[in-house]
mmCIF file of all heavy atoms, coordinates in Angstrom:
data_MODEL
# 
_entry.id   MODEL 
# 
loop_
_atom_site.group_PDB 
_atom_site.id 
_atom_site.type_symbol 
_atom_site.label_atom_id 
_atom_site.label_alt_id 
_atom_site.label_comp_id 
_atom_site.label_asym_id 
_atom_site.label_entity_id 
_atom_site.label_seq_id 
_atom_site.pdbx_PDB_ins_code 
_atom_site.Cartn_x 
_atom_site.Cartn_y 
_atom_site.Cartn_z 
_atom_site.occupancy 
_atom_site.B_iso_or_equiv 
_atom_site.pdbx_formal_charge 
_atom_site.auth_seq_id 
_atom_site.auth_comp_id 
_atom_site.auth_asym_id 
_atom_site.auth_atom_id 
_atom_site.pdbx_PDB_model_num 
ATOM 1   N N   . PRO A 1 1  ? 271.681 63.409 69.372 1.00 0.00 ? 1  PRO A N   1 
ATOM 2   C CA  . PRO A 1 1  ? 270.610 64.361 69.870 1.00 0.00 ? 1  PRO A CA  1 
ATOM 3   C C   . PRO A 1 1  ? 269.252 63.738 70.058 1.00 0.00 ? 1  PRO A C   1 
ATOM 4   O O   . PRO A 1 1  ? 268.596 64.153 71.098 1.00 0.00 ? 1  PRO A O   1 
ATOM 5   C CB  . PRO A 1 1  ? 270.607 65.495 68.807 1.00 0.00 ? 1  PRO A CB  1 
ATOM 6   C CG  . PRO A 1 1  ? 271.997 65.306 68.233 1.00 0.00 ? 1  PRO A CG  1 
ATOM 7   C CD  . PRO A 1 1  ? 272.321 63.930 68.211 1.00 0.00 ? 1  PRO A CD  1 
ATOM 8   N N   . GLN A 1 2  ? 268.824 62.889 69.156 1.00 0.00 ? 2  GLN A N   1 
ATOM 9   C CA  . GLN A 1 2  ? 267.460 62.343 69.265 1.00 0.00 ? 2  GLN A CA  1 
ATOM 10  C C   . GLN A 1 2  ? 267.180 61.372 70.321 1.00 0.00 ? 2  GLN A C   1 
ATOM 11  O O   . GLN A 1 2  ? 266.145 61.076 70.702 1.00 0.00 ? 2  GLN A O   1 
ATOM 12  C CB  . GLN A 1 2  ? 267.109 61.772 67.884 1.00 0.00 ? 2  GLN A CB  1 
ATOM 13  C CG  . GLN A 1 2  ? 268.018 60.605 67.457 1.00 0.00 ? 2  GLN A CG  1 
ATOM 14  C CD  . GLN A 1 2  ? 269.090 61.098 66.596 1.00 0.00 ? 2  GLN A CD  1 
ATOM 15  O OE1 . GLN A 1 2  ? 269.573 62.165 66.634 1.00 0.00 ? 2  GLN A OE1 1 
ATOM 16  N NE2 . GLN A 1 2  ? 269.537 60.140 65.648 1.00 0.00 ? 2  GLN A NE2 1 
ATOM 17  N N   . ALA A 1 3  ? 268.397 61.005 70.933 1.00 0.00 ? 3  ALA A N   1 
ATOM 18  C CA  . ALA A 1 3  ? 268.295 59.961 72.048 1.00 0.00 ? 3  ALA A CA  1 
ATOM 19  C C   . ALA A 1 3  ? 268.384 60.572 73.373 1.00 0.00 ? 3  ALA A C   1 
ATOM 20  O O   . ALA A 1 3  ? 267.985 59.979 74.436 1.00 0.00 ? 3  ALA A O   1 
ATOM 21  C CB  . ALA A 1 3  ? 269.324 58.879 71.942 1.00 0.00 ? 3  ALA A CB  1 
ATOM 22  N N   . ILE A 1 4  ? 268.708 61.844 73.521 1.00 0.00 ? 4  ILE A N   1 
ATOM 23  C CA  . ILE A 1 4  ? 269.041 62.404 74.778 1.00 0.00 ? 4  ILE A CA  1 
ATOM 24  C C   . ILE A 1 4  ? 267.777 62.500 75.648 1.00 0.00 ? 4  ILE A C   1 
ATOM 25  O O   . ILE A 1 4  ? 267.831 62.184 76.874 1.00 0.00 ? 4  ILE A O   1 
ATOM 26  C CB  . ILE A 1 4  ? 269.681 63.829 74.541 1.00 0.00 ? 4  ILE A CB  1 
ATOM 27  C CG1 . ILE A 1 4  ? 271.094 63.691 74.056 1.00 0.00 ? 4  ILE A CG1 1 
ATOM 28  C CG2 . ILE A 1 4  ? 269.751 64.657 75.943 1.00 0.00 ? 4  ILE A CG2 1 
ATOM 29  C CD1 . ILE A 1 4  ? 271.791 64.947 73.886 1.00 0.00 ? 4  ILE A CD1 1 
ATOM 30  N N   . GLU A 1 5  ? 266.727 63.098 75.187 1.00 0.00 ? 5  GLU A N   1 
ATOM 31  C CA  . GLU A 1 5  ? 265.552 63.347 76.094 1.00 0.00 ? 5  GLU A CA  1 
ATOM 32  C C   . GLU A 1 5  ? 264.982 61.923 76.560 1.00 0.00 ? 5  GLU A C   1 
ATOM 33  O O   . GLU A 1 5  ? 264.700 61.928 77.730 1.00 0.00 ? 5  GLU A O   1 
ATOM 34  C CB  . GLU A 1 5  ? 264.389 63.927 75.191 1.00 0.00 ? 5  GLU A CB  1 
ATOM 35  C CG  . GLU A 1 5  ? 263.303 64.435 76.125 1.00 0.00 ? 5  GLU A CG  1 
ATOM 36  C CD  . GLU A 1 5  ? 262.389 65.378 75.391 1.00 0.00 ? 5  GLU A CD  1 
ATOM 37  O OE1 . GLU A 1 5  ? 262.591 65.639 74.176 1.00 0.00 ? 5  GLU A OE1 1 
ATOM 38  O OE2 . GLU A 1 5  ? 261.430 65.884 76.077 1.00 0.00 ? 5  GLU A OE2 1 
ATOM 39  N N   . ARG A 1 6  ? 265.106 60.918 75.756 1.00 0.00 ? 6  ARG A N   1 
ATOM 40  C CA  . ARG A 1 6  ? 264.697 59.590 76.278 1.00 0.00 ? 6  ARG A CA  1 
ATOM 41  C C   . ARG A 1 6  ? 265.332 59.141 77.390 1.00 0.00 ? 6  ARG A C   1 
ATOM 42  O O   . ARG A 1 6  ? 264.973 58.689 78.470 1.00 0.00 ? 6  ARG A O   1 
ATOM 43  C CB  . ARG A 1 6  ? 264.565 58.626 75.193 1.00 0.00 ? 6  ARG A CB  1 
ATOM 44  C CG  . ARG A 1 6  ? 264.324 57.195 75.560 1.00 0.00 ? 6  ARG A CG  1 
ATOM 45  C CD  . ARG A 1 6  ? 264.359 56.112 74.418 1.00 0.00 ? 6  ARG A CD  1 
ATOM 46  N NE  . ARG A 1 6  ? 265.601 56.163 73.829 1.00 0.00 ? 6  ARG A NE  1 
ATOM 47  C CZ  . ARG A 1 6  ? 266.701 55.512 74.277 1.00 0.00 ? 6  ARG A CZ  1 
ATOM 48  N NH1 . ARG A 1 6  ? 266.662 54.872 75.331 1.00 0.00 ? 6  ARG A NH1 1 
ATOM 49  N NH2 . ARG A 1 6  ? 267.810 55.558 73.514 1.00 0.00 ? 6  ARG A NH2 1 
ATOM 50  N N   . VAL A 1 7  ? 266.816 59.237 77.317 1.00 0.00 ? 7  VAL A N   1 
ATOM 51  C CA  . VAL A 1 7  ? 267.717 58.682 78.294 1.00 0.00 ? 7  VAL A CA  1 
ATOM 52  C C   . VAL A 1 7  ? 267.666 59.689 79.516 1.00 0.00 ? 7  VAL A C   1 
ATOM 53  O O   . VAL A 1 7  ? 267.761 59.152 80.655 1.00 0.00 ? 7  VAL A O   1 
ATOM 54  C CB  . VAL A 1 7  ? 269.118 58.645 77.700 1.00 0.00 ? 7  VAL A CB  1 
ATOM 55  C CG1 . VAL A 1 7  ? 270.121 58.221 78.830 1.00 0.00 ? 7  VAL A CG1 1 
ATOM 56  C CG2 . VAL A 1 7  ? 269.248 57.692 76.617 1.00 0.00 ? 7  VAL A CG2 1 
ATOM 57  N N   . VAL A 1 8  ? 267.578 60.948 79.335 1.00 0.00 ? 8  VAL A N   1 
ATOM 58  C CA  . VAL A 1 8  ? 267.449 61.840 80.447 1.00 0.00 ? 8  VAL A CA  1 
ATOM 59  C C   . VAL A 1 8  ? 266.186 61.539 81.328 1.00 0.00 ? 8  VAL A C   1 
ATOM 60  O O   . VAL A 1 8  ? 266.252 61.527 82.522 1.00 0.00 ? 8  VAL A O   1 
ATOM 61  C CB  . VAL A 1 8  ? 267.482 63.320 80.046 1.00 0.00 ? 8  VAL A CB  1 
ATOM 62  C CG1 . VAL A 1 8  ? 267.105 64.249 81.206 1.00 0.00 ? 8  VAL A CG1 1 
ATOM 63  C CG2 . VAL A 1 8  ? 268.840 63.719 79.544 1.00 0.00 ? 8  VAL A CG2 1 
ATOM 64  N N   . ASP A 1 9  ? 265.063 61.186 80.635 1.00 0.00 ? 9  ASP A N   1 
ATOM 65  C CA  . ASP A 1 9  ? 263.882 60.884 81.259 1.00 0.00 ? 9  ASP A CA  1 
ATOM 66  C C   . ASP A 1 9  ? 264.076 59.613 82.151 1.00 0.00 ? 9  ASP A C   1 
ATOM 67  O O   . ASP A 1 9  ? 263.517 59.533 83.242 1.00 0.00 ? 9  ASP A O   1 
ATOM 68  C CB  . ASP A 1 9  ? 262.749 60.608 80.300 1.00 0.00 ? 9  ASP A CB  1 
ATOM 69  C CG  . ASP A 1 9  ? 262.079 61.744 79.700 1.00 0.00 ? 9  ASP A CG  1 
ATOM 70  O OD1 . ASP A 1 9  ? 262.362 62.876 80.371 1.00 0.00 ? 9  ASP A OD1 1 
ATOM 71  O OD2 . ASP A 1 9  ? 261.356 61.745 78.660 1.00 0.00 ? 9  ASP A OD2 1 
ATOM 72  N N   . GLU A 1 10 ? 264.972 58.772 81.672 1.00 0.00 ? 10 GLU A N   1 
ATOM 73  C CA  . GLU A 1 10 ? 265.239 57.430 82.318 1.00 0.00 ? 10 GLU A CA  1 
ATOM 74  C C   . GLU A 1 10 ? 265.991 57.664 83.659 1.00 0.00 ? 10 GLU A C   1 
ATOM 75  O O   . GLU A 1 10 ? 265.772 56.944 84.585 1.00 0.00 ? 10 GLU A O   1 
ATOM 76  C CB  . GLU A 1 10 ? 265.977 56.608 81.341 1.00 0.00 ? 10 GLU A CB  1 
ATOM 77  C CG  . GLU A 1 10 ? 266.374 55.189 81.942 1.00 0.00 ? 10 GLU A CG  1 
ATOM 78  C CD  . GLU A 1 10 ? 267.281 54.434 81.042 1.00 0.00 ? 10 GLU A CD  1 
ATOM 79  O OE1 . GLU A 1 10 ? 267.452 54.838 79.823 1.00 0.00 ? 10 GLU A OE1 1 
ATOM 80  O OE2 . GLU A 1 10 ? 267.845 53.427 81.494 1.00 0.00 ? 10 GLU A OE2 1 
ATOM 81  N N   . VAL A 1 11 ? 266.770 58.636 83.648 1.00 0.00 ? 11 VAL A N   1 
ATOM 82  C CA  . VAL A 1 11 ? 267.716 58.788 84.928 1.00 0.00 ? 11 VAL A CA  1 
ATOM 83  C C   . VAL A 1 11 ? 267.472 59.976 85.666 1.00 0.00 ? 11 VAL A C   1 
ATOM 84  O O   . VAL A 1 11 ? 268.088 60.273 86.632 1.00 0.00 ? 11 VAL A O   1 
ATOM 85  C CB  . VAL A 1 11 ? 269.129 58.818 84.358 1.00 0.00 ? 11 VAL A CB  1 
ATOM 86  C CG1 . VAL A 1 11 ? 269.397 57.558 83.683 1.00 0.00 ? 11 VAL A CG1 1 
ATOM 87  C CG2 . VAL A 1 11 ? 269.480 60.011 83.548 1.00 0.00 ? 11 VAL A CG2 1 
ATOM 88  N N   . ARG A 1 12 ? 266.484 60.897 85.266 1.00 0.00 ? 12 ARG A N   1 
ATOM 89  C CA  . ARG A 1 12 ? 266.249 62.079 85.842 1.00 0.00 ? 12 ARG A CA  1 
ATOM 90  C C   . ARG A 1 12 ? 266.080 62.076 87.379 1.00 0.00 ? 12 ARG A C   1 
ATOM 91  O O   . ARG A 1 12 ? 266.711 62.849 88.190 1.00 0.00 ? 12 ARG A O   1 
ATOM 92  C CB  . ARG A 1 12 ? 265.053 62.835 85.372 1.00 0.00 ? 12 ARG A CB  1 
ATOM 93  C CG  . ARG A 1 12 ? 264.767 64.123 85.975 1.00 0.00 ? 12 ARG A CG  1 
ATOM 94  C CD  . ARG A 1 12 ? 263.383 64.674 85.616 1.00 0.00 ? 12 ARG A CD  1 
ATOM 95  N NE  . ARG A 1 12 ? 263.204 64.880 84.043 1.00 0.00 ? 12 ARG A NE  1 
ATOM 96  C CZ  . ARG A 1 12 ? 262.477 64.146 83.332 1.00 0.00 ? 12 ARG A CZ  1 
ATOM 97  N NH1 . ARG A 1 12 ? 261.672 63.186 83.844 1.00 0.00 ? 12 ARG A NH1 1 
ATOM 98  N NH2 . ARG A 1 12 ? 262.350 64.371 82.107 1.00 0.00 ? 12 ARG A NH2 1 
ATOM 99  N N   . ASP A 1 13 ? 265.315 61.110 87.849 1.00 0.00 ? 13 ASP A N   1 
ATOM 100 C CA  . ASP A 1 13 ? 265.189 61.080 89.310 1.00 0.00 ? 13 ASP A CA  1 
ATOM 101 C C   . ASP A 1 13 ? 266.320 60.650 90.178 1.00 0.00 ? 13 ASP A C   1 
ATOM 102 O O   . ASP A 1 13 ? 266.315 60.778 91.457 1.00 0.00 ? 13 ASP A O   1 
ATOM 103 C CB  . ASP A 1 13 ? 263.972 60.032 89.639 1.00 0.00 ? 13 ASP A CB  1 
ATOM 104 C CG  . ASP A 1 13 ? 264.340 58.593 89.226 1.00 0.00 ? 13 ASP A CG  1 
ATOM 105 O OD1 . ASP A 1 13 ? 264.781 58.500 87.989 1.00 0.00 ? 13 ASP A OD1 1 
ATOM 106 O OD2 . ASP A 1 13 ? 264.199 57.682 90.070 1.00 0.00 ? 13 ASP A OD2 1 
ATOM 107 N N   . LEU A 1 14 ? 267.405 60.258 89.548 1.00 0.00 ? 14 LEU A N   1 
ATOM 108 C CA  . LEU A 1 14 ? 268.626 59.872 90.246 1.00 0.00 ? 14 LEU A CA  1 
ATOM 109 C C   . LEU A 1 14 ? 269.646 60.924 90.184 1.00 0.00 ? 14 LEU A C   1 
ATOM 110 O O   . LEU A 1 14 ? 270.706 60.791 90.977 1.00 0.00 ? 14 LEU A O   1 
ATOM 111 C CB  . LEU A 1 14 ? 269.229 58.610 89.541 1.00 0.00 ? 14 LEU A CB  1 
ATOM 112 C CG  . LEU A 1 14 ? 268.374 57.368 89.660 1.00 0.00 ? 14 LEU A CG  1 
ATOM 113 C CD1 . LEU A 1 14 ? 269.035 56.250 88.788 1.00 0.00 ? 14 LEU A CD1 1 
ATOM 114 C CD2 . LEU A 1 14 ? 268.166 56.862 91.140 1.00 0.00 ? 14 LEU A CD2 1 
ATOM 115 N N   . LEU A 1 15 ? 269.421 62.050 89.495 1.00 0.00 ? 15 LEU A N   1 
ATOM 116 C CA  . LEU A 1 15 ? 270.444 63.115 89.466 1.00 0.00 ? 15 LEU A CA  1 
ATOM 117 C C   . LEU A 1 15 ? 270.612 63.808 90.816 1.00 0.00 ? 15 LEU A C   1 
ATOM 118 O O   . LEU A 1 15 ? 269.580 64.128 91.423 1.00 0.00 ? 15 LEU A O   1 
ATOM 119 C CB  . LEU A 1 15 ? 270.069 64.092 88.381 1.00 0.00 ? 15 LEU A CB  1 
ATOM 120 C CG  . LEU A 1 15 ? 270.264 63.614 86.822 1.00 0.00 ? 15 LEU A CG  1 
ATOM 121 C CD1 . LEU A 1 15 ? 269.643 64.652 85.956 1.00 0.00 ? 15 LEU A CD1 1 
ATOM 122 C CD2 . LEU A 1 15 ? 271.604 63.238 86.559 1.00 0.00 ? 15 LEU A CD2 1 
ATOM 123 N N   . ARG A 1 16 ? 271.785 64.048 91.165 1.00 0.00 ? 16 ARG A N   1 
ATOM 124 C CA  . ARG A 1 16 ? 272.148 64.826 92.401 1.00 0.00 ? 16 ARG A CA  1 
ATOM 125 C C   . ARG A 1 16 ? 272.534 66.277 92.052 1.00 0.00 ? 16 ARG A C   1 
ATOM 126 O O   . ARG A 1 16 ? 273.231 66.456 90.936 1.00 0.00 ? 16 ARG A O   1 
ATOM 127 C CB  . ARG A 1 16 ? 273.273 64.249 93.206 1.00 0.00 ? 16 ARG A CB  1 
ATOM 128 C CG  . ARG A 1 16 ? 273.003 62.764 93.626 1.00 0.00 ? 16 ARG A CG  1 
ATOM 129 C CD  . ARG A 1 16 ? 274.025 62.268 94.505 1.00 0.00 ? 16 ARG A CD  1 
ATOM 130 N NE  . ARG A 1 16 ? 275.450 62.591 94.118 1.00 0.00 ? 16 ARG A NE  1 
ATOM 131 C CZ  . ARG A 1 16 ? 276.128 61.849 93.282 1.00 0.00 ? 16 ARG A CZ  1 
ATOM 132 N NH1 . ARG A 1 16 ? 275.585 60.810 92.822 1.00 0.00 ? 16 ARG A NH1 1 
ATOM 133 N NH2 . ARG A 1 16 ? 277.411 62.161 92.932 1.00 0.00 ? 16 ARG A NH2 1 
ATOM 134 N N   . PRO A 1 17 ? 272.174 67.289 92.829 1.00 0.00 ? 17 PRO A N   1 
ATOM 135 C CA  . PRO A 1 17 ? 272.537 68.708 92.447 1.00 0.00 ? 17 PRO A CA  1 
ATOM 136 C C   . PRO A 1 17 ? 274.047 68.904 92.092 1.00 0.00 ? 17 PRO A C   1 
ATOM 137 O O   . PRO A 1 17 ? 274.341 69.815 91.428 1.00 0.00 ? 17 PRO A O   1 
ATOM 138 C CB  . PRO A 1 17 ? 272.049 69.431 93.689 1.00 0.00 ? 17 PRO A CB  1 
ATOM 139 C CG  . PRO A 1 17 ? 271.088 68.619 94.360 1.00 0.00 ? 17 PRO A CG  1 
ATOM 140 C CD  . PRO A 1 17 ? 271.567 67.191 94.104 1.00 0.00 ? 17 PRO A CD  1 
ATOM 141 N N   . ASP A 1 18 ? 274.871 68.089 92.786 1.00 0.00 ? 18 ASP A N   1 
ATOM 142 C CA  . ASP A 1 18 ? 276.383 68.290 92.591 1.00 0.00 ? 18 ASP A CA  1 
ATOM 143 C C   . ASP A 1 18 ? 276.980 67.652 91.417 1.00 0.00 ? 18 ASP A C   1 
ATOM 144 O O   . ASP A 1 18 ? 278.115 67.826 91.089 1.00 0.00 ? 18 ASP A O   1 
ATOM 145 C CB  . ASP A 1 18 ? 277.058 67.791 93.856 1.00 0.00 ? 18 ASP A CB  1 
ATOM 146 C CG  . ASP A 1 18 ? 276.982 66.312 94.124 1.00 0.00 ? 18 ASP A CG  1 
ATOM 147 O OD1 . ASP A 1 18 ? 275.761 65.776 93.925 1.00 0.00 ? 18 ASP A OD1 1 
ATOM 148 O OD2 . ASP A 1 18 ? 277.906 65.690 94.415 1.00 0.00 ? 18 ASP A OD2 1 
ATOM 149 N N   . GLN A 1 19 ? 276.232 66.901 90.600 1.00 0.00 ? 19 GLN A N   1 
ATOM 150 C CA  . GLN A 1 19 ? 276.726 66.146 89.471 1.00 0.00 ? 19 GLN A CA  1 
ATOM 151 C C   . GLN A 1 19 ? 276.801 67.197 88.268 1.00 0.00 ? 19 GLN A C   1 
ATOM 152 O O   . GLN A 1 19 ? 276.014 67.787 87.960 1.00 0.00 ? 19 GLN A O   1 
ATOM 153 C CB  . GLN A 1 19 ? 275.823 65.013 89.081 1.00 0.00 ? 19 GLN A CB  1 
ATOM 154 C CG  . GLN A 1 19 ? 275.877 63.850 90.043 1.00 0.00 ? 19 GLN A CG  1 
ATOM 155 C CD  . GLN A 1 19 ? 274.832 62.838 89.726 1.00 0.00 ? 19 GLN A CD  1 
ATOM 156 O OE1 . GLN A 1 19 ? 273.676 63.056 89.525 1.00 0.00 ? 19 GLN A OE1 1 
ATOM 157 N NE2 . GLN A 1 19 ? 275.278 61.494 89.547 1.00 0.00 ? 19 GLN A NE2 1 
ATOM 158 N N   . LEU A 1 20 ? 278.087 67.093 87.739 1.00 0.00 ? 20 LEU A N   1 
ATOM 159 C CA  . LEU A 1 20 ? 278.292 67.920 86.518 1.00 0.00 ? 20 LEU A CA  1 
ATOM 160 C C   . LEU A 1 20 ? 277.904 67.100 85.258 1.00 0.00 ? 20 LEU A C   1 
ATOM 161 O O   . LEU A 1 20 ? 278.139 65.950 85.014 1.00 0.00 ? 20 LEU A O   1 
ATOM 162 C CB  . LEU A 1 20 ? 279.847 68.212 86.359 1.00 0.00 ? 20 LEU A CB  1 
ATOM 163 C CG  . LEU A 1 20 ? 280.323 68.808 85.103 1.00 0.00 ? 20 LEU A CG  1 
ATOM 164 C CD1 . LEU A 1 20 ? 279.611 70.170 84.793 1.00 0.00 ? 20 LEU A CD1 1 
ATOM 165 C CD2 . LEU A 1 20 ? 281.843 68.933 85.072 1.00 0.00 ? 20 LEU A CD2 1 
ATOM 166 N N   . LEU A 1 21 ? 277.077 67.766 84.385 1.00 0.00 ? 21 LEU A N   1 
ATOM 167 C CA  . LEU A 1 21 ? 276.598 67.153 83.095 1.00 0.00 ? 21 LEU A CA  1 
ATOM 168 C C   . LEU A 1 21 ? 277.370 67.725 82.021 1.00 0.00 ? 21 LEU A C   1 
ATOM 169 O O   . LEU A 1 21 ? 277.339 69.104 81.882 1.00 0.00 ? 21 LEU A O   1 
ATOM 170 C CB  . LEU A 1 21 ? 275.119 67.301 83.010 1.00 0.00 ? 21 LEU A CB  1 
ATOM 171 C CG  . LEU A 1 21 ? 274.182 66.921 84.143 1.00 0.00 ? 21 LEU A CG  1 
ATOM 172 C CD1 . LEU A 1 21 ? 272.730 67.190 83.835 1.00 0.00 ? 21 LEU A CD1 1 
ATOM 173 C CD2 . LEU A 1 21 ? 274.449 65.442 84.441 1.00 0.00 ? 21 LEU A CD2 1 
ATOM 174 N N   . ILE A 1 22 ? 278.100 67.013 81.249 1.00 0.00 ? 22 ILE A N   1 
ATOM 175 C CA  . ILE A 1 22 ? 278.837 67.522 80.067 1.00 0.00 ? 22 ILE A CA  1 
ATOM 176 C C   . ILE A 1 22 ? 278.108 66.907 78.754 1.00 0.00 ? 22 ILE A C   1 
ATOM 177 O O   . ILE A 1 22 ? 278.043 65.677 78.739 1.00 0.00 ? 22 ILE A O   1 
ATOM 178 C CB  . ILE A 1 22 ? 280.381 67.159 80.083 1.00 0.00 ? 22 ILE A CB  1 
ATOM 179 C CG1 . ILE A 1 22 ? 280.943 67.674 81.284 1.00 0.00 ? 22 ILE A CG1 1 
ATOM 180 C CG2 . ILE A 1 22 ? 281.068 67.566 78.840 1.00 0.00 ? 22 ILE A CG2 1 
ATOM 181 C CD1 . ILE A 1 22 ? 282.436 67.232 81.470 1.00 0.00 ? 22 ILE A CD1 1 
ATOM 182 N N   . THR A 1 23 ? 277.798 67.814 77.888 1.00 0.00 ? 23 THR A N   1 
ATOM 183 C CA  . THR A 1 23 ? 277.053 67.254 76.678 1.00 0.00 ? 23 THR A CA  1 
ATOM 184 C C   . THR A 1 23 ? 277.917 67.593 75.448 1.00 0.00 ? 23 THR A C   1 
ATOM 185 O O   . THR A 1 23 ? 278.411 68.743 75.389 1.00 0.00 ? 23 THR A O   1 
ATOM 186 C CB  . THR A 1 23 ? 275.523 67.778 76.525 1.00 0.00 ? 23 THR A CB  1 
ATOM 187 O OG1 . THR A 1 23 ? 275.078 67.366 75.298 1.00 0.00 ? 23 THR A OG1 1 
ATOM 188 C CG2 . THR A 1 23 ? 275.573 69.303 76.649 1.00 0.00 ? 23 THR A CG2 1 
ATOM 189 N N   . ILE A 1 24 ? 277.902 66.714 74.489 1.00 0.00 ? 24 ILE A N   1 
ATOM 190 C CA  . ILE A 1 24 ? 278.484 67.012 73.116 1.00 0.00 ? 24 ILE A CA  1 
ATOM 191 C C   . ILE A 1 24 ? 277.570 66.945 72.082 1.00 0.00 ? 24 ILE A C   1 
ATOM 192 O O   . ILE A 1 24 ? 277.996 66.889 70.836 1.00 0.00 ? 24 ILE A O   1 
ATOM 193 C CB  . ILE A 1 24 ? 279.732 65.975 72.892 1.00 0.00 ? 24 ILE A CB  1 
ATOM 194 C CG1 . ILE A 1 24 ? 279.202 64.615 72.703 1.00 0.00 ? 24 ILE A CG1 1 
ATOM 195 C CG2 . ILE A 1 24 ? 280.754 66.111 73.963 1.00 0.00 ? 24 ILE A CG2 1 
ATOM 196 C CD1 . ILE A 1 24 ? 280.303 63.600 72.244 1.00 0.00 ? 24 ILE A CD1 1 
ATOM 197 N N   . ALA A 1 25 ? 276.292 66.906 72.289 1.00 0.00 ? 25 ALA A N   1 
ATOM 198 C CA  . ALA A 1 25 ? 275.266 66.766 71.279 1.00 0.00 ? 25 ALA A CA  1 
ATOM 199 C C   . ALA A 1 25 ? 275.095 68.006 70.437 1.00 0.00 ? 25 ALA A C   1 
ATOM 200 O O   . ALA A 1 25 ? 274.892 69.126 71.041 1.00 0.00 ? 25 ALA A O   1 
ATOM 201 C CB  . ALA A 1 25 ? 273.976 66.305 71.851 1.00 0.00 ? 25 ALA A CB  1 
ATOM 202 N N   . ALA A 1 26 ? 275.210 68.010 69.160 1.00 0.00 ? 26 ALA A N   1 
ATOM 203 C CA  . ALA A 1 26 ? 274.981 69.200 68.296 1.00 0.00 ? 26 ALA A CA  1 
ATOM 204 C C   . ALA A 1 26 ? 273.514 69.527 68.424 1.00 0.00 ? 26 ALA A C   1 
ATOM 205 O O   . ALA A 1 26 ? 272.679 68.730 68.402 1.00 0.00 ? 26 ALA A O   1 
ATOM 206 C CB  . ALA A 1 26 ? 275.420 68.846 66.820 1.00 0.00 ? 26 ALA A CB  1 
# 
C-alpha cells in the first residue's frame, strides 16, 4: 500500500482510458 501512490505518479501520464486496473492492496 505504501508504494502505490509513488508508482502511480510514475506511470499516470501513460494510462489509457481502456486499461483495466486491478489492485490487491489492503
